[in-house]
Amino acid sequence: MPGTWADDAACAGSAVPDAWFATDSKNAETAYAKSVCALCPVTAACLQFALEIGPSQAQGIWGKTTEEQRSYMRKKRRPAA
């Protein structure tokens, strides 16, 4: 995504790229990824992007959230039937 918010992401060029795709939401890699996100200037844009593209494409940590957390956010956003 050249020329976008991703260029300013704290995770860009990370020494531990697999941390953002850890499968266990409570392991050391996930904690590391979230700690990097906590210092990131584009966390809100990253999270919004992940929510918009959905779970099939936004796997792992995005905007300091896990897939499970984003799933919960999506369910809360859905209007009642």
PDB file of N, CA and C in Angstrom:
ATOM      1  N   MET A   1       0.825  -1.190   0.000  1.00  0.00           N
ATOM      2  CA  MET A   1       0.000   0.000   0.000  1.00  0.00           C
ATOM      3  C   MET A   1       0.870   1.256   0.000  1.00  0.00           C
ATOM      4  N   PRO A   2       1.661   1.464  -1.000  1.00  0.00           N
ATOM      5  CA  PRO A   2       2.523   2.647  -1.032  1.00  0.00           C
ATOM      6  C   PRO A   2       1.714   3.944  -1.016  1.00  0.00           C
ATOM      7  N   GLY A   3       2.225   4.918  -0.277  1.00  0.00           N
ATOM      8  CA  GLY A   3       1.568   6.224  -0.232  1.00  0.00           C
ATOM      9  C   GLY A   3       0.330   6.272   0.638  1.00  0.00           C
ATOM     10  N   THR A   4       0.191   5.332   1.551  1.00  0.00           N
ATOM     11  CA  THR A   4      -0.985   5.296   2.418  1.00  0.00           C
ATOM     12  C   THR A   4      -0.562   5.341   3.881  1.00  0.00           C
ATOM     13  N   TRP A   5      -1.520   5.199   4.765  1.00  0.00           N
ATOM     14  CA  TRP A   5      -1.256   5.180   6.194  1.00  0.00           C
ATOM     15  C   TRP A   5      -0.263   4.074   6.546  1.00  0.00           C
ATOM     16  N   ALA A   6      -0.250   3.002   5.789  1.00  0.00           N
ATOM     17  CA  ALA A   6       0.633   1.871   6.089  1.00  0.00           C
ATOM     18  C   ALA A   6       2.107   2.256   6.035  1.00  0.00           C
ATOM     19  N   ASP A   7       2.436   3.263   5.254  1.00  0.00           N
ATOM     20  CA  ASP A   7       3.826   3.722   5.185  1.00  0.00           C
ATOM     21  C   ASP A   7       4.303   4.269   6.531  1.00  0.00           C
ATOM     22  N   ASP A   8       3.377   4.777   7.322  1.00  0.00           N
ATOM     23  CA  ASP A   8       3.718   5.370   8.614  1.00  0.00           C
ATOM     24  C   ASP A   8       3.520   4.411   9.790  1.00  0.00           C
ATOM     25  N   ALA A   9       3.132   3.182   9.486  1.00  0.00           N
ATOM     26  CA  ALA A   9       2.855   2.213  10.547  1.00  0.00           C
ATOM     27  C   ALA A   9       4.129   1.811  11.279  1.00  0.00           C
ATOM     28  N   ALA A  10       4.017   1.691  12.581  1.00  0.00           N
ATOM     29  CA  ALA A  10       5.158   1.305  13.406  1.00  0.00           C
ATOM     30  C   ALA A  10       5.638  -0.108  13.077  1.00  0.00           C
ATOM     31  N   CYS A  11       4.769  -0.940  12.549  1.00  0.00           N
ATOM     32  CA  CYS A  11       5.135  -2.321  12.243  1.00  0.00           C
ATOM     33  C   CYS A  11       5.848  -2.463  10.898  1.00  0.00           C
ATOM     34  N   ALA A  12       5.820  -1.432  10.077  1.00  0.00           N
ATOM     35  CA  ALA A  12       6.467  -1.512   8.767  1.00  0.00           C
ATOM     36  C   ALA A  12       7.953  -1.812   8.941  1.00  0.00           C
ATOM     37  N   GLY A  13       8.401  -2.865   8.328  1.00  0.00           N
ATOM     38  CA  GLY A  13       9.802  -3.237   8.432  1.00  0.00           C
ATOM     39  C   GLY A  13      10.172  -3.856   9.761  1.00  0.00           C
ATOM     40  N   SER A  14       9.210  -4.404  10.468  1.00  0.00           N
ATOM     41  CA  SER A  14       9.458  -5.008  11.782  1.00  0.00           C
ATOM     42  C   SER A  14      10.472  -6.136  11.687  1.00  0.00           C
ATOM     43  N   ALA A  15      11.253  -6.270  12.738  1.00  0.00           N
ATOM     44  CA  ALA A  15      12.226  -7.359  12.827  1.00  0.00           C
ATOM     45  C   ALA A  15      11.535  -8.691  13.127  1.00  0.00           C
ATOM     46  N   VAL A  16      10.264  -8.631  13.550  1.00  0.00           N
ATOM     47  CA  VAL A  16       9.512  -9.845  13.894  1.00  0.00           C
ATOM     48  C   VAL A  16       8.170  -9.817  13.151  1.00  0.00           C
ATOM     49  N   PRO A  17       8.181  -9.923  11.818  1.00  0.00           N
ATOM     50  CA  PRO A  17       6.929  -9.798  11.063  1.00  0.00           C
ATOM     51  C   PRO A  17       5.885 -10.861  11.390  1.00  0.00           C
ATOM     52  N   ASP A  18       6.308 -12.038  11.806  1.00  0.00           N
ATOM     53  CA  ASP A  18       5.347 -13.091  12.140  1.00  0.00           C
ATOM     54  C   ASP A  18       4.512 -12.769  13.369  1.00  0.00           C
ATOM     55  N   ALA A  19       4.949 -11.829  14.172  1.00  0.00           N
ATOM     56  CA  ALA A  19       4.217 -11.477  15.391  1.00  0.00           C
ATOM     57  C   ALA A  19       2.806 -11.004  15.083  1.00  0.00           C
ATOM     58  N   TRP A  20       2.614 -10.373  13.945  1.00  0.00           N
ATOM     59  CA  TRP A  20       1.291  -9.845  13.608  1.00  0.00           C
ATOM     60  C   TRP A  20       0.338 -10.926  13.121  1.00  0.00           C
ATOM     61  N   PHE A  21       0.850 -12.116  12.950  1.00  0.00           N
ATOM     62  CA  PHE A  21       0.019 -13.210  12.448  1.00  0.00           C
ATOM     63  C   PHE A  21       0.026 -14.413  13.383  1.00  0.00           C
ATOM     64  N   ALA A  22       0.306 -14.179  14.640  1.00  0.00           N
ATOM     65  CA  ALA A  22       0.285 -15.253  15.638  1.00  0.00           C
ATOM     66  C   ALA A  22      -1.130 -15.807  15.748  1.00  0.00           C
ATOM     67  N   THR A  23      -1.245 -17.100  15.931  1.00  0.00           N
ATOM     68  CA  THR A  23      -2.570 -17.721  16.003  1.00  0.00           C
ATOM     69  C   THR A  23      -3.146 -17.726  17.416  1.00  0.00           C
ATOM     70  N   ASP A  24      -2.306 -17.575  18.412  1.00  0.00           N
ATOM     71  CA  ASP A  24      -2.763 -17.553  19.807  1.00  0.00           C
ATOM     72  C   ASP A  24      -2.805 -16.100  20.271  1.00  0.00           C
ATOM     73  N   SER A  25      -3.981 -15.629  20.642  1.00  0.00           N
ATOM     74  CA  SER A  25      -4.128 -14.220  21.008  1.00  0.00           C
ATOM     75  C   SER A  25      -3.481 -13.864  22.345  1.00  0.00           C
ATOM     76  N   LYS A  26      -2.957 -14.864  23.060  1.00  0.00           N
ATOM     77  CA  LYS A  26      -2.359 -14.584  24.365  1.00  0.00           C
ATOM     78  C   LYS A  26      -0.905 -15.020  24.448  1.00  0.00           C
ATOM     79  N   ASN A  27      -0.208 -15.053  23.325  1.00  0.00           N
ATOM     80  CA  ASN A  27       1.189 -15.467  23.389  1.00  0.00           C
ATOM     81  C   ASN A  27       2.132 -14.259  23.331  1.00  0.00           C
ATOM     82  N   ALA A  28       3.420 -14.514  23.439  1.00  0.00           N
ATOM     83  CA  ALA A  28       4.418 -13.445  23.495  1.00  0.00           C
ATOM     84  C   ALA A  28       4.470 -12.645  22.193  1.00  0.00           C
ATOM     85  N   GLU A  29       4.283 -13.307  21.051  1.00  0.00           N
ATOM     86  CA  GLU A  29       4.313 -12.580  19.780  1.00  0.00           C
ATOM     87  C   GLU A  29       3.158 -11.585  19.689  1.00  0.00           C
ATOM     88  N   THR A  30       1.982 -12.008  20.127  1.00  0.00           N
ATOM     89  CA  THR A  30       0.824 -11.114  20.112  1.00  0.00           C
ATOM     90  C   THR A  30       1.058  -9.940  21.056  1.00  0.00           C
ATOM     91  N   ALA A  31       1.603 -10.202  22.205  1.00  0.00           N
ATOM     92  CA  ALA A  31       1.901  -9.133  23.164  1.00  0.00           C
ATOM     93  C   ALA A  31       2.906  -8.156  22.565  1.00  0.00           C
ATOM     94  N   TYR A  32       3.908  -8.680  21.872  1.00  0.00           N
ATOM     95  CA  TYR A  32       4.896  -7.824  21.213  1.00  0.00           C
ATOM     96  C   TYR A  32       4.221  -6.955  20.153  1.00  0.00           C
ATOM     97  N   ALA A  33       3.404  -7.569  19.306  1.00  0.00           N
ATOM     98  CA  ALA A  33       2.732  -6.829  18.239  1.00  0.00           C
ATOM     99  C   ALA A  33       1.865  -5.712  18.822  1.00  0.00           C
ATOM    100  N   LYS A  34       1.120  -6.030  19.868  1.00  0.00           N
ATOM    101  CA  LYS A  34       0.258  -5.017  20.484  1.00  0.00           C
ATOM    102  C   LYS A  34       1.080  -3.899  21.120  1.00  0.00           C
ATOM    103  N   SER A  35       2.256  -4.224  21.640  1.00  0.00           N
ATOM    104  CA  SER A  35       3.095  -3.175  22.233  1.00  0.00           C
ATOM    105  C   SER A  35       3.633  -2.232  21.163  1.00  0.00           C
ATOM    106  N   VAL A  36       3.932  -2.756  19.990  1.00  0.00           N
ATOM    107  CA  VAL A  36       4.359  -1.902  18.870  1.00  0.00           C
ATOM    108  C   VAL A  36       3.183  -1.049  18.417  1.00  0.00           C
ATOM    109  N   CYS A  37       2.021  -1.650  18.314  1.00  0.00           N
ATOM    110  CA  CYS A  37       0.813  -0.908  17.912  1.00  0.00           C
ATOM    111  C   CYS A  37       0.507   0.234  18.886  1.00  0.00           C
ATOM    112  N   ALA A  38       0.790   0.026  20.151  1.00  0.00           N
ATOM    113  CA  ALA A  38       0.496   1.044  21.158  1.00  0.00           C
ATOM    114  C   ALA A  38       1.264   2.337  20.894  1.00  0.00           C
ATOM    115  N   LEU A  39       2.383   2.243  20.200  1.00  0.00           N
ATOM    116  CA  LEU A  39       3.204   3.421  19.892  1.00  0.00           C
ATOM    117  C   LEU A  39       2.972   3.936  18.477  1.00  0.00           C
ATOM    118  N   CYS A  40       2.087   3.308  17.757  1.00  0.00           N
ATOM    119  CA  CYS A  40       1.897   3.602  16.335  1.00  0.00           C
ATOM    120  C   CYS A  40       1.009   4.827  16.102  1.00  0.00           C
ATOM    121  N   PRO A  41       1.410   5.700  15.168  1.00  0.00           N
ATOM    122  CA  PRO A  41       0.612   6.886  14.882  1.00  0.00           C
ATOM    123  C   PRO A  41      -0.609   6.620  13.993  1.00  0.00           C
ATOM    124  N   VAL A  42      -0.728   5.413  13.437  1.00  0.00           N
ATOM    125  CA  VAL A  42      -1.827   5.139  12.512  1.00  0.00           C
ATOM    126  C   VAL A  42      -2.712   3.969  12.967  1.00  0.00           C
ATOM    127  N   THR A  43      -2.744   3.715  14.264  1.00  0.00           N
ATOM    128  CA  THR A  43      -3.521   2.594  14.784  1.00  0.00           C
ATOM    129  C   THR A  43      -4.992   2.677  14.385  1.00  0.00           C
ATOM    130  N   ALA A  44      -5.583   3.845  14.468  1.00  0.00           N
ATOM    131  CA  ALA A  44      -7.007   3.988  14.138  1.00  0.00           C
ATOM    132  C   ALA A  44      -7.271   3.665  12.674  1.00  0.00           C
ATOM    133  N   ALA A  45      -6.424   4.153  11.778  1.00  0.00           N
ATOM    134  CA  ALA A  45      -6.587   3.869  10.346  1.00  0.00           C
ATOM    135  C   ALA A  45      -6.397   2.388  10.064  1.00  0.00           C
ATOM    136  N   CYS A  46      -5.453   1.779  10.737  1.00  0.00           N
ATOM    137  CA  CYS A  46      -5.180   0.350  10.581  1.00  0.00           C
ATOM    138  C   CYS A  46      -6.388  -0.477  11.020  1.00  0.00           C
ATOM    139  N   LEU A  47      -6.931  -0.150  12.166  1.00  0.00           N
ATOM    140  CA  LEU A  47      -8.106  -0.862  12.663  1.00  0.00           C
ATOM    141  C   LEU A  47      -9.286  -0.683  11.724  1.00  0.00           C
ATOM    142  N   GLN A  48      -9.523   0.518  11.277  1.00  0.00           N
ATOM    143  CA  GLN A  48     -10.630   0.779  10.361  1.00  0.00           C
ATOM    144  C   GLN A  48     -10.481  -0.038   9.083  1.00  0.00           C
ATOM    145  N   PHE A  49      -9.267  -0.089   8.555  1.00  0.00           N
ATOM    146  CA  PHE A  49      -8.986  -0.874   7.349  1.00  0.00           C
ATOM    147  C   PHE A  49      -9.325  -2.342   7.593  1.00  0.00           C
ATOM    148  N   ALA A  50      -8.873  -2.889   8.717  1.00  0.00           N
ATOM    149  CA  ALA A  50      -9.123  -4.295   9.033  1.00  0.00           C
ATOM    150  C   ALA A  50     -10.619  -4.579   9.176  1.00  0.00           C
ATOM    151  N   LEU A  51     -11.344  -3.667   9.789  1.00  0.00           N
ATOM    152  CA  LEU A  51     -12.787  -3.850   9.935  1.00  0.00           C
ATOM    153  C   LEU A  51     -13.489  -3.805   8.589  1.00  0.00           C
ATOM    154  N   GLU A  52     -13.011  -2.957   7.694  1.00  0.00           N
ATOM    155  CA  GLU A  52     -13.633  -2.824   6.377  1.00  0.00           C
ATOM    156  C   GLU A  52     -13.354  -4.019   5.466  1.00  0.00           C
ATOM    157  N   ILE A  53     -12.124  -4.535   5.487  1.00  0.00           N
ATOM    158  CA  ILE A  53     -11.817  -5.627   4.560  1.00  0.00           C
ATOM    159  C   ILE A  53     -12.270  -6.987   5.074  1.00  0.00           C
ATOM    160  N   GLY A  54     -12.534  -7.082   6.353  1.00  0.00           N
ATOM    161  CA  GLY A  54     -13.105  -8.295   6.910  1.00  0.00           C
ATOM    162  C   GLY A  54     -12.103  -9.349   7.310  1.00  0.00           C
ATOM    163  N   PRO A  55     -12.613 -10.365   7.999  1.00  0.00           N
ATOM    164  CA  PRO A  55     -11.756 -11.379   8.600  1.00  0.00           C
ATOM    165  C   PRO A  55     -11.029 -12.280   7.605  1.00  0.00           C
ATOM    166  N   SER A  56     -11.559 -12.456   6.427  1.00  0.00           N
ATOM    167  CA  SER A  56     -10.888 -13.348   5.484  1.00  0.00           C
ATOM    168  C   SER A  56      -9.580 -12.757   4.966  1.00  0.00           C
ATOM    169  N   GLN A  57      -9.454 -11.433   4.998  1.00  0.00           N
ATOM    170  CA  GLN A  57      -8.233 -10.787   4.521  1.00  0.00           C
ATOM    171  C   GLN A  57      -7.418 -10.147   5.638  1.00  0.00           C
ATOM    172  N   ALA A  58      -8.046  -9.774   6.724  1.00  0.00           N
ATOM    173  CA  ALA A  58      -7.341  -9.114   7.828  1.00  0.00           C
ATOM    174  C   ALA A  58      -7.139 -10.093   8.969  1.00  0.00           C
ATOM    175  N   GLN A  59      -6.202 -10.992   8.786  1.00  0.00           N
ATOM    176  CA  GLN A  59      -5.909 -11.963   9.829  1.00  0.00           C
ATOM    177  C   GLN A  59      -4.769 -11.445  10.692  1.00  0.00           C
ATOM    178  N   GLY A  60      -4.769 -11.833  11.953  1.00  0.00           N
ATOM    179  CA  GLY A  60      -3.701 -11.404  12.845  1.00  0.00           C
ATOM    180  C   GLY A  60      -4.031 -10.106  13.566  1.00  0.00           C
ATOM    181  N   ILE A  61      -2.979  -9.395  13.957  1.00  0.00           N
ATOM    182  CA  ILE A  61      -3.123  -8.151  14.722  1.00  0.00           C
ATOM    183  C   ILE A  61      -3.208  -6.963  13.759  1.00  0.00           C
ATOM    184  N   TRP A  62      -4.245  -6.180  13.912  1.00  0.00           N
ATOM    185  CA  TRP A  62      -4.442  -4.954  13.133  1.00  0.00           C
ATOM    186  C   TRP A  62      -4.986  -3.903  14.092  1.00  0.00           C
ATOM    187  N   GLY A  63      -4.404  -2.733  14.089  1.00  0.00           N
ATOM    188  CA  GLY A  63      -4.911  -1.657  14.940  1.00  0.00           C
ATOM    189  C   GLY A  63      -4.976  -2.037  16.400  1.00  0.00           C
ATOM    190  N   LYS A  64      -3.988  -2.800  16.856  1.00  0.00           N
ATOM    191  CA  LYS A  64      -3.882  -3.230  18.254  1.00  0.00           C
ATOM    192  C   LYS A  64      -5.019  -4.153  18.682  1.00  0.00           C
ATOM    193  N   THR A  65      -5.632  -4.859  17.725  1.00  0.00           N
ATOM    194  CA  THR A  65      -6.704  -5.801  18.053  1.00  0.00           C
ATOM    195  C   THR A  65      -6.439  -7.161  17.420  1.00  0.00           C
ATOM    196  N   THR A  66      -6.961  -8.188  18.054  1.00  0.00           N
ATOM    197  CA  THR A  66      -6.882  -9.538  17.516  1.00  0.00           C
ATOM    198  C   THR A  66      -8.100  -9.783  16.624  1.00  0.00           C
ATOM    199  N   GLU A  67      -8.070 -10.902  15.912  1.00  0.00           N
ATOM    200  CA  GLU A  67      -9.223 -11.269  15.080  1.00  0.00           C
ATOM    201  C   GLU A  67     -10.470 -11.426  15.939  1.00  0.00           C
ATOM    202  N   GLU A  68     -10.304 -12.021  17.113  1.00  0.00           N
ATOM    203  CA  GLU A  68     -11.427 -12.220  18.022  1.00  0.00           C
ATOM    204  C   GLU A  68     -12.025 -10.882  18.470  1.00  0.00           C
ATOM    205  N   GLN A  69     -11.178  -9.924  18.790  1.00  0.00           N
ATOM    206  CA  GLN A  69     -11.662  -8.607  19.220  1.00  0.00           C
ATOM    207  C   GLN A  69     -12.402  -7.900  18.083  1.00  0.00           C
ATOM    208  N   ARG A  70     -11.878  -8.013  16.871  1.00  0.00           N
ATOM    209  CA  ARG A  70     -12.550  -7.364  15.735  1.00  0.00           C
ATOM    210  C   ARG A  70     -13.877  -8.036  15.416  1.00  0.00           C
ATOM    211  N   SER A  71     -13.947  -9.338  15.589  1.00  0.00           N
ATOM    212  CA  SER A  71     -15.206 -10.051  15.373  1.00  0.00           C
ATOM    213  C   SER A  71     -16.267  -9.524  16.336  1.00  0.00           C
ATOM    214  N   TYR A  72     -15.879  -9.335  17.581  1.00  0.00           N
ATOM    215  CA  TYR A  72     -16.792  -8.783  18.582  1.00  0.00           C
ATOM    216  C   TYR A  72     -17.230  -7.368  18.178  1.00  0.00           C
ATOM    217  N   MET A  73     -16.285  -6.563  17.702  1.00  0.00           N
ATOM    218  CA  MET A  73     -16.606  -5.195  17.269  1.00  0.00           C
ATOM    219  C   MET A  73     -17.610  -5.211  16.126  1.00  0.00           C
ATOM    220  N   ARG A  74     -17.420  -6.113  15.173  1.00  0.00           N
ATOM    221  CA  ARG A  74     -18.338  -6.202  14.037  1.00  0.00           C
ATOM    222  C   ARG A  74     -19.736  -6.577  14.498  1.00  0.00           C
ATOM    223  N   LYS A  75     -19.823  -7.514  15.421  1.00  0.00           N
ATOM    224  CA  LYS A  75     -21.134  -7.935  15.935  1.00  0.00           C
ATOM    225  C   LYS A  75     -21.834  -6.795  16.658  1.00  0.00           C
ATOM    226  N   LYS A  76     -21.077  -6.004  17.410  1.00  0.00           N
ATOM    227  CA  LYS A  76     -21.671  -4.861  18.108  1.00  0.00           C
ATOM    228  C   LYS A  76     -22.166  -3.793  17.141  1.00  0.00           C
ATOM    229  N   ARG A  77     -21.510  -3.680  15.985  1.00  0.00           N
ATOM    230  CA  ARG A  77     -21.869  -2.649  15.007  1.00  0.00           C
ATOM    231  C   ARG A  77     -23.119  -2.992  14.217  1.00  0.00           C
ATOM    232  N   ARG A  78     -23.430  -4.284  14.101  1.00  0.00           N
ATOM    233  CA  ARG A  78     -24.579  -4.702  13.294  1.00  0.00           C
ATOM    234  C   ARG A  78     -25.867  -4.182  13.891  1.00  0.00           C
ATOM    235  N   PRO A  79     -26.714  -3.616  13.050  1.00  0.00           N
ATOM    236  CA  PRO A  79     -28.013  -3.149  13.561  1.00  0.00           C
ATOM    237  C   PRO A  79     -28.898  -4.340  13.933  1.00  0.00           C
ATOM    238  N   ALA A  80     -29.713  -4.157  14.913  1.00  0.00           N
ATOM    239  CA  ALA A  80     -30.635  -5.216  15.329  1.00  0.00           C
ATOM    240  C   ALA A  80     -31.649  -5.489  14.227  1.00  0.00           C
ATOM    241  N   ALA A  81     -31.987  -6.744  14.037  1.00  0.00           N
ATOM    242  CA  ALA A  81     -32.933  -7.118  12.968  1.00  0.00           C
ATOM    243  C   ALA A  81     -34.358  -6.828  13.363  1.00  0.00           C
TER     244      ALA A  81
END
